[in-house]
Each structure stands twice: as structure tokens, then as C-alpha cells.
Amino acid sequence: FLRTRSSWGYLVFGLLALTFALVPVASPALAW
């Protein structure tokens, strides 16, 4: 979908990953 602009996609993926890593999750089902 991004083709030559894949860097932006990887950046967004990284920011979403950091959100998963840093934001506490209360649900045991999402402990992973």
C-alpha cells in the first residue's frame, strides 16, 4: 500500500508497537 513510502509505514508500526509496550493493560487476556 505504501510502496516507495514504506519508511512511513515502518515508523507508524514502531509507534504502535511502543504503545503496546508502554501502556499498561488491565485485561489478563492482553497480558502478552
PDB file of all heavy atoms in Angstrom:
ATOM      1  N   PHE A   1       0.795  -1.221   0.000  1.00  0.00           N
ATOM      2  CA  PHE A   1       0.000   0.000   0.000  1.00  0.00           C
ATOM      3  C   PHE A   1       0.834   1.281   0.000  1.00  0.00           C
ATOM      4  O   PHE A   1       0.370   2.327  -0.463  1.00  0.00           O
ATOM      5  CB  PHE A   1      -0.945  -0.003   1.205  1.00  0.00           C
ATOM      6  CG  PHE A   1      -2.068  -0.990   1.075  1.00  0.00           C
ATOM      7  CD1 PHE A   1      -1.988  -2.240   1.666  1.00  0.00           C
ATOM      8  CD2 PHE A   1      -3.200  -0.672   0.334  1.00  0.00           C
ATOM      9  CE1 PHE A   1      -3.022  -3.157   1.535  1.00  0.00           C
ATOM     10  CE2 PHE A   1      -4.238  -1.588   0.199  1.00  0.00           C
ATOM     11  CZ  PHE A   1      -4.146  -2.830   0.795  1.00  0.00           C
ATOM     12  N   LEU A   2       2.063   1.208   0.530  1.00  0.00           N
ATOM     13  CA  LEU A   2       2.879   2.420   0.594  1.00  0.00           C
ATOM     14  C   LEU A   2       4.022   2.431  -0.412  1.00  0.00           C
ATOM     15  O   LEU A   2       4.560   3.487  -0.731  1.00  0.00           O
ATOM     16  CB  LEU A   2       3.428   2.612   2.018  1.00  0.00           C
ATOM     17  CG  LEU A   2       2.374   2.865   3.098  1.00  0.00           C
ATOM     18  CD1 LEU A   2       3.025   3.065   4.449  1.00  0.00           C
ATOM     19  CD2 LEU A   2       1.525   4.086   2.754  1.00  0.00           C
ATOM     20  N   ARG A   3       4.422   1.266  -0.858  1.00  0.00           N
ATOM     21  CA  ARG A   3       5.449   1.128  -1.892  1.00  0.00           C
ATOM     22  C   ARG A   3       6.702   1.938  -1.568  1.00  0.00           C
ATOM     23  O   ARG A   3       7.422   1.606  -0.646  1.00  0.00           O
ATOM     24  CB  ARG A   3       4.863   1.507  -3.261  1.00  0.00           C
ATOM     25  CG  ARG A   3       3.698   0.607  -3.672  1.00  0.00           C
ATOM     26  CD  ARG A   3       3.176   0.949  -5.039  1.00  0.00           C
ATOM     27  NE  ARG A   3       2.023   0.119  -5.379  1.00  0.00           N
ATOM     28  CZ  ARG A   3       2.101  -1.103  -5.908  1.00  0.00           C
ATOM     29  NH1 ARG A   3       3.290  -1.620  -6.191  1.00  0.00           N
ATOM     30  NH2 ARG A   3       1.008  -1.791  -6.170  1.00  0.00           N
ATOM     31  N   THR A   4       6.954   3.023  -2.274  1.00  0.00           N
ATOM     32  CA  THR A   4       8.197   3.776  -2.060  1.00  0.00           C
ATOM     33  C   THR A   4       8.193   4.563  -0.760  1.00  0.00           C
ATOM     34  O   THR A   4       9.224   5.113  -0.377  1.00  0.00           O
ATOM     35  CB  THR A   4       8.435   4.752  -3.230  1.00  0.00           C
ATOM     36  OG1 THR A   4       7.328   5.634  -3.334  1.00  0.00           O
ATOM     37  CG2 THR A   4       8.599   3.983  -4.536  1.00  0.00           C
ATOM     38  N   ARG A   5       7.069   4.633  -0.071  1.00  0.00           N
ATOM     39  CA  ARG A   5       6.986   5.341   1.201  1.00  0.00           C
ATOM     40  C   ARG A   5       6.903   4.378   2.377  1.00  0.00           C
ATOM     41  O   ARG A   5       6.301   4.673   3.409  1.00  0.00           O
ATOM     42  CB  ARG A   5       5.778   6.273   1.200  1.00  0.00           C
ATOM     43  CG  ARG A   5       5.848   7.355   0.129  1.00  0.00           C
ATOM     44  CD  ARG A   5       4.656   8.277   0.194  1.00  0.00           C
ATOM     45  NE  ARG A   5       4.751   9.346  -0.792  1.00  0.00           N
ATOM     46  CZ  ARG A   5       3.836  10.299  -0.954  1.00  0.00           C
ATOM     47  NH1 ARG A   5       2.751  10.301  -0.179  1.00  0.00           N
ATOM     48  NH2 ARG A   5       4.000  11.230  -1.866  1.00  0.00           N
ATOM     49  N   SER A   6       7.498   3.225   2.227  1.00  0.00           N
ATOM     50  CA  SER A   6       7.416   2.196   3.268  1.00  0.00           C
ATOM     51  C   SER A   6       8.023   2.657   4.591  1.00  0.00           C
ATOM     52  O   SER A   6       7.633   2.177   5.659  1.00  0.00           O
ATOM     53  CB  SER A   6       8.095   0.912   2.803  1.00  0.00           C
ATOM     54  OG  SER A   6       9.453   1.147   2.473  1.00  0.00           O
ATOM     55  N   SER A   7       8.974   3.594   4.545  1.00  0.00           N
ATOM     56  CA  SER A   7       9.581   4.080   5.787  1.00  0.00           C
ATOM     57  C   SER A   7       8.527   4.638   6.726  1.00  0.00           C
ATOM     58  O   SER A   7       8.592   4.443   7.944  1.00  0.00           O
ATOM     59  CB  SER A   7      10.635   5.153   5.485  1.00  0.00           C
ATOM     60  OG  SER A   7      11.702   4.616   4.745  1.00  0.00           O
ATOM     61  N   TRP A   8       7.545   5.339   6.161  1.00  0.00           N
ATOM     62  CA  TRP A   8       6.475   5.881   6.996  1.00  0.00           C
ATOM     63  C   TRP A   8       5.658   4.760   7.633  1.00  0.00           C
ATOM     64  O   TRP A   8       5.228   4.857   8.780  1.00  0.00           O
ATOM     65  CB  TRP A   8       5.577   6.795   6.163  1.00  0.00           C
ATOM     66  CG  TRP A   8       6.234   8.079   5.798  1.00  0.00           C
ATOM     67  CD1 TRP A   8       6.750   8.429   4.575  1.00  0.00           C
ATOM     68  CD2 TRP A   8       6.472   9.198   6.657  1.00  0.00           C
ATOM     69  NE1 TRP A   8       7.295   9.682   4.618  1.00  0.00           N
ATOM     70  CE2 TRP A   8       7.134  10.184   5.886  1.00  0.00           C
ATOM     71  CE3 TRP A   8       6.193   9.461   7.994  1.00  0.00           C
ATOM     72  CZ2 TRP A   8       7.516  11.408   6.404  1.00  0.00           C
ATOM     73  CZ3 TRP A   8       6.573  10.683   8.522  1.00  0.00           C
ATOM     74  CH2 TRP A   8       7.222  11.644   7.735  1.00  0.00           C
ATOM     75  N   GLY A   9       5.438   3.712   6.885  1.00  0.00           N
ATOM     76  CA  GLY A   9       4.708   2.569   7.427  1.00  0.00           C
ATOM     77  C   GLY A   9       5.443   1.915   8.580  1.00  0.00           C
ATOM     78  O   GLY A   9       4.845   1.571   9.610  1.00  0.00           O
ATOM     79  N   TYR A  10       6.765   1.732   8.419  1.00  0.00           N
ATOM     80  CA  TYR A  10       7.551   1.134   9.491  1.00  0.00           C
ATOM     81  C   TYR A  10       7.577   2.038  10.726  1.00  0.00           C
ATOM     82  O   TYR A  10       7.567   1.557  11.861  1.00  0.00           O
ATOM     83  CB  TYR A  10       8.975   0.857   9.007  1.00  0.00           C
ATOM     84  CG  TYR A  10       9.048  -0.109   7.862  1.00  0.00           C
ATOM     85  CD1 TYR A  10       9.965   0.076   6.805  1.00  0.00           C
ATOM     86  CD2 TYR A  10       8.208  -1.218   7.796  1.00  0.00           C
ATOM     87  CE1 TYR A  10      10.023  -0.808   5.743  1.00  0.00           C
ATOM     88  CE2 TYR A  10       8.270  -2.101   6.735  1.00  0.00           C
ATOM     89  CZ  TYR A  10       9.177  -1.892   5.716  1.00  0.00           C
ATOM     90  OH  TYR A  10       9.242  -2.768   4.662  1.00  0.00           O
ATOM     91  N   LEU A  11       7.597   3.343  10.490  1.00  0.00           N
ATOM     92  CA  LEU A  11       7.584   4.285  11.613  1.00  0.00           C
ATOM     93  C   LEU A  11       6.265   4.182  12.378  1.00  0.00           C
ATOM     94  O   LEU A  11       6.262   4.128  13.620  1.00  0.00           O
ATOM     95  CB  LEU A  11       7.789   5.703  11.097  1.00  0.00           C
ATOM     96  CG  LEU A  11       7.764   6.818  12.160  1.00  0.00           C
ATOM     97  CD1 LEU A  11       8.854   6.599  13.201  1.00  0.00           C
ATOM     98  CD2 LEU A  11       7.908   8.182  11.504  1.00  0.00           C
ATOM     99  N   VAL A  12       5.151   4.143  11.664  1.00  0.00           N
ATOM    100  CA  VAL A  12       3.843   4.019  12.321  1.00  0.00           C
ATOM    101  C   VAL A  12       3.746   2.694  13.069  1.00  0.00           C
ATOM    102  O   VAL A  12       3.257   2.638  14.202  1.00  0.00           O
ATOM    103  CB  VAL A  12       2.709   4.144  11.279  1.00  0.00           C
ATOM    104  CG1 VAL A  12       1.358   3.796  11.910  1.00  0.00           C
ATOM    105  CG2 VAL A  12       2.681   5.550  10.704  1.00  0.00           C
ATOM    106  N   PHE A  13       4.224   1.619  12.436  1.00  0.00           N
ATOM    107  CA  PHE A  13       4.217   0.308  13.102  1.00  0.00           C
ATOM    108  C   PHE A  13       5.036   0.354  14.387  1.00  0.00           C
ATOM    109  O   PHE A  13       4.632  -0.175  15.419  1.00  0.00           O
ATOM    110  CB  PHE A  13       4.772  -0.753  12.143  1.00  0.00           C
ATOM    111  CG  PHE A  13       4.863  -2.130  12.735  1.00  0.00           C
ATOM    112  CD1 PHE A  13       3.794  -2.697  13.408  1.00  0.00           C
ATOM    113  CD2 PHE A  13       6.041  -2.876  12.616  1.00  0.00           C
ATOM    114  CE1 PHE A  13       3.879  -3.973  13.946  1.00  0.00           C
ATOM    115  CE2 PHE A  13       6.131  -4.144  13.149  1.00  0.00           C
ATOM    116  CZ  PHE A  13       5.049  -4.702  13.822  1.00  0.00           C
ATOM    117  N   GLY A  14       6.189   1.018  14.332  1.00  0.00           N
ATOM    118  CA  GLY A  14       7.022   1.132  15.523  1.00  0.00           C
ATOM    119  C   GLY A  14       6.341   1.909  16.629  1.00  0.00           C
ATOM    120  O   GLY A  14       6.412   1.535  17.811  1.00  0.00           O
ATOM    121  N   LEU A  15       5.648   2.998  16.270  1.00  0.00           N
ATOM    122  CA  LEU A  15       4.950   3.806  17.273  1.00  0.00           C
ATOM    123  C   LEU A  15       3.792   3.017  17.895  1.00  0.00           C
ATOM    124  O   LEU A  15       3.560   3.102  19.107  1.00  0.00           O
ATOM    125  CB  LEU A  15       4.446   5.101  16.639  1.00  0.00           C
ATOM    126  CG  LEU A  15       5.540   6.082  16.192  1.00  0.00           C
ATOM    127  CD1 LEU A  15       4.915   7.275  15.470  1.00  0.00           C
ATOM    128  CD2 LEU A  15       6.369   6.545  17.391  1.00  0.00           C
ATOM    129  N   LEU A  16       3.070   2.264  17.074  1.00  0.00           N
ATOM    130  CA  LEU A  16       2.009   1.414  17.615  1.00  0.00           C
ATOM    131  C   LEU A  16       2.585   0.342  18.539  1.00  0.00           C
ATOM    132  O   LEU A  16       2.006   0.035  19.591  1.00  0.00           O
ATOM    133  CB  LEU A  16       1.234   0.757  16.473  1.00  0.00           C
ATOM    134  CG  LEU A  16       0.368   1.682  15.620  1.00  0.00           C
ATOM    135  CD1 LEU A  16      -0.221   0.921  14.439  1.00  0.00           C
ATOM    136  CD2 LEU A  16      -0.749   2.289  16.463  1.00  0.00           C
ATOM    137  N   ALA A  17       3.729  -0.223  18.149  1.00  0.00           N
ATOM    138  CA  ALA A  17       4.377  -1.238  18.988  1.00  0.00           C
ATOM    139  C   ALA A  17       4.786  -0.646  20.326  1.00  0.00           C
ATOM    140  O   ALA A  17       4.623  -1.276  21.378  1.00  0.00           O
ATOM    141  CB  ALA A  17       5.590  -1.809  18.256  1.00  0.00           C
ATOM    142  N   LEU A  18       5.323   0.570  20.311  1.00  0.00           N
ATOM    143  CA  LEU A  18       5.707   1.231  21.554  1.00  0.00           C
ATOM    144  C   LEU A  18       4.496   1.481  22.447  1.00  0.00           C
ATOM    145  O   LEU A  18       4.590   1.405  23.674  1.00  0.00           O
ATOM    146  CB  LEU A  18       6.413   2.548  21.249  1.00  0.00           C
ATOM    147  CG  LEU A  18       7.827   2.443  20.670  1.00  0.00           C
ATOM    148  CD1 LEU A  18       8.368   3.827  20.348  1.00  0.00           C
ATOM    149  CD2 LEU A  18       8.755   1.730  21.653  1.00  0.00           C
ATOM    150  N   THR A  19       3.368   1.780  21.830  1.00  0.00           N
ATOM    151  CA  THR A  19       2.144   1.956  22.609  1.00  0.00           C
ATOM    152  C   THR A  19       1.779   0.673  23.326  1.00  0.00           C
ATOM    153  O   THR A  19       1.438   0.680  24.517  1.00  0.00           O
ATOM    154  CB  THR A  19       0.988   2.394  21.681  1.00  0.00           C
ATOM    155  OG1 THR A  19       1.348   3.599  21.014  1.00  0.00           O
ATOM    156  CG2 THR A  19      -0.286   2.620  22.484  1.00  0.00           C
ATOM    157  N   PHE A  20       1.845  -0.453  22.621  1.00  0.00           N
ATOM    158  CA  PHE A  20       1.597  -1.745  23.247  1.00  0.00           C
ATOM    159  C   PHE A  20       2.575  -1.992  24.394  1.00  0.00           C
ATOM    160  O   PHE A  20       2.214  -2.519  25.447  1.00  0.00           O
ATOM    161  CB  PHE A  20       1.741  -2.874  22.220  1.00  0.00           C
ATOM    162  CG  PHE A  20       0.480  -3.184  21.468  1.00  0.00           C
ATOM    163  CD1 PHE A  20       0.217  -2.569  20.259  1.00  0.00           C
ATOM    164  CD2 PHE A  20      -0.432  -4.088  21.962  1.00  0.00           C
ATOM    165  CE1 PHE A  20      -0.942  -2.846  19.552  1.00  0.00           C
ATOM    166  CE2 PHE A  20      -1.597  -4.380  21.274  1.00  0.00           C
ATOM    167  CZ  PHE A  20      -1.855  -3.754  20.060  1.00  0.00           C
ATOM    168  N   ALA A  21       3.826  -1.621  24.174  1.00  0.00           N
ATOM    169  CA  ALA A  21       4.865  -1.923  25.152  1.00  0.00           C
ATOM    170  C   ALA A  21       4.764  -1.058  26.404  1.00  0.00           C
ATOM    171  O   ALA A  21       5.070  -1.524  27.510  1.00  0.00           O
ATOM    172  CB  ALA A  21       6.246  -1.751  24.515  1.00  0.00           C
ATOM    173  N   LEU A  22       4.348   0.192  26.248  1.00  0.00           N
ATOM    174  CA  LEU A  22       4.439   1.149  27.342  1.00  0.00           C
ATOM    175  C   LEU A  22       3.130   1.391  28.090  1.00  0.00           C
ATOM    176  O   LEU A  22       3.146   1.773  29.259  1.00  0.00           O
ATOM    177  CB  LEU A  22       4.962   2.490  26.807  1.00  0.00           C
ATOM    178  CG  LEU A  22       6.373   2.455  26.199  1.00  0.00           C
ATOM    179  CD1 LEU A  22       6.731   3.813  25.624  1.00  0.00           C
ATOM    180  CD2 LEU A  22       7.398   2.016  27.242  1.00  0.00           C
ATOM    181  N   VAL A  23       1.994   1.185  27.413  1.00  0.00           N
ATOM    182  CA  VAL A  23       0.709   1.452  28.060  1.00  0.00           C
ATOM    183  C   VAL A  23       0.271   0.234  28.863  1.00  0.00           C
ATOM    184  O   VAL A  23       0.156  -0.862  28.304  1.00  0.00           O
ATOM    185  CB  VAL A  23      -0.366   1.810  27.014  1.00  0.00           C
ATOM    186  CG1 VAL A  23      -1.730   1.987  27.687  1.00  0.00           C
ATOM    187  CG2 VAL A  23       0.030   3.068  26.258  1.00  0.00           C
ATOM    188  N   PRO A  24       0.029   0.383  30.172  1.00  0.00           N
ATOM    189  CA  PRO A  24      -0.392  -0.759  30.994  1.00  0.00           C
ATOM    190  C   PRO A  24      -1.719  -1.338  30.496  1.00  0.00           C
ATOM    191  O   PRO A  24      -2.628  -0.599  30.098  1.00  0.00           O
ATOM    192  CB  PRO A  24      -0.555  -0.151  32.394  1.00  0.00           C
ATOM    193  CG  PRO A  24       0.247   1.102  32.369  1.00  0.00           C
ATOM    194  CD  PRO A  24       0.174   1.617  30.961  1.00  0.00           C
ATOM    195  N   VAL A  25      -1.815  -2.652  30.525  1.00  0.00           N
ATOM    196  CA  VAL A  25      -3.028  -3.343  30.085  1.00  0.00           C
ATOM    197  C   VAL A  25      -3.651  -4.029  31.290  1.00  0.00           C
ATOM    198  O   VAL A  25      -3.005  -4.828  31.975  1.00  0.00           O
ATOM    199  CB  VAL A  25      -2.698  -4.379  28.986  1.00  0.00           C
ATOM    200  CG1 VAL A  25      -3.955  -5.132  28.593  1.00  0.00           C
ATOM    201  CG2 VAL A  25      -2.089  -3.687  27.775  1.00  0.00           C
ATOM    202  N   ALA A  26      -4.914  -3.712  31.541  1.00  0.00           N
ATOM    203  CA  ALA A  26      -5.592  -4.267  32.719  1.00  0.00           C
ATOM    204  C   ALA A  26      -6.115  -5.673  32.479  1.00  0.00           C
ATOM    205  O   ALA A  26      -6.183  -6.483  33.387  1.00  0.00           O
ATOM    206  CB  ALA A  26      -6.739  -3.341  33.129  1.00  0.00           C
ATOM    207  N   SER A  27      -6.459  -5.979  31.234  1.00  0.00           N
ATOM    208  CA  SER A  27      -7.068  -7.272  30.930  1.00  0.00           C
ATOM    209  C   SER A  27      -6.024  -8.385  30.902  1.00  0.00           C
ATOM    210  O   SER A  27      -5.020  -8.281  30.183  1.00  0.00           O
ATOM    211  CB  SER A  27      -7.770  -7.209  29.577  1.00  0.00           C
ATOM    212  OG  SER A  27      -8.202  -8.495  29.176  1.00  0.00           O
ATOM    213  N   PRO A  28      -6.238  -9.473  31.672  1.00  0.00           N
ATOM    214  CA  PRO A  28      -5.295 -10.612  31.626  1.00  0.00           C
ATOM    215  C   PRO A  28      -5.181 -11.210  30.230  1.00  0.00           C
ATOM    216  O   PRO A  28      -4.143 -11.749  29.863  1.00  0.00           O
ATOM    217  CB  PRO A  28      -5.910 -11.607  32.614  1.00  0.00           C
ATOM    218  CG  PRO A  28      -6.773 -10.775  33.511  1.00  0.00           C
ATOM    219  CD  PRO A  28      -7.299  -9.677  32.655  1.00  0.00           C
ATOM    220  N   ALA A  29      -6.270 -11.100  29.452  1.00  0.00           N
ATOM    221  CA  ALA A  29      -6.251 -11.670  28.102  1.00  0.00           C
ATOM    222  C   ALA A  29      -5.270 -10.948  27.189  1.00  0.00           C
ATOM    223  O   ALA A  29      -4.836 -11.490  26.182  1.00  0.00           O
ATOM    224  CB  ALA A  29      -7.655 -11.613  27.498  1.00  0.00           C
ATOM    225  N   LEU A  30      -4.911  -9.707  27.562  1.00  0.00           N
ATOM    226  CA  LEU A  30      -3.974  -8.932  26.754  1.00  0.00           C
ATOM    227  C   LEU A  30      -2.632  -8.767  27.447  1.00  0.00           C
ATOM    228  O   LEU A  30      -1.871  -7.854  27.135  1.00  0.00           O
ATOM    229  CB  LEU A  30      -4.571  -7.554  26.444  1.00  0.00           C
ATOM    230  CG  LEU A  30      -5.838  -7.543  25.577  1.00  0.00           C
ATOM    231  CD1 LEU A  30      -6.368  -6.130  25.431  1.00  0.00           C
ATOM    232  CD2 LEU A  30      -5.571  -8.160  24.213  1.00  0.00           C
ATOM    233  N   ALA A  31      -2.336  -9.662  28.374  1.00  0.00           N
ATOM    234  CA  ALA A  31      -1.081  -9.561  29.115  1.00  0.00           C
ATOM    235  C   ALA A  31       0.130  -9.726  28.214  1.00  0.00           C
ATOM    236  O   ALA A  31       1.230  -9.270  28.529  1.00  0.00           O
ATOM    237  CB  ALA A  31      -1.047 -10.611  30.227  1.00  0.00           C
ATOM    238  N   TRP A  32      -0.074 -10.372  27.066  1.00  0.00           N
ATOM    239  CA  TRP A  32       1.022 -10.595  26.112  1.00  0.00           C
ATOM    240  C   TRP A  32       1.415  -9.320  25.375  1.00  0.00           C
ATOM    241  O   TRP A  32       2.471  -9.265  24.747  1.00  0.00           O
ATOM    242  CB  TRP A  32       0.597 -11.634  25.074  1.00  0.00           C
ATOM    243  CG  TRP A  32      -0.650 -11.246  24.346  1.00  0.00           C
ATOM    244  CD1 TRP A  32      -1.929 -11.518  24.706  1.00  0.00           C
ATOM    245  CD2 TRP A  32      -0.746 -10.471  23.138  1.00  0.00           C
ATOM    246  NE1 TRP A  32      -2.822 -10.963  23.809  1.00  0.00           N
ATOM    247  CE2 TRP A  32      -2.123 -10.321  22.843  1.00  0.00           C
ATOM    248  CE3 TRP A  32       0.197  -9.895  22.287  1.00  0.00           C
ATOM    249  CZ2 TRP A  32      -2.577  -9.614  21.732  1.00  0.00           C
ATOM    250  CZ3 TRP A  32      -0.252  -9.190  21.185  1.00  0.00           C
ATOM    251  CH2 TRP A  32      -1.622  -9.055  20.909  1.00  0.00           C
TER     252      TRP A  32
END
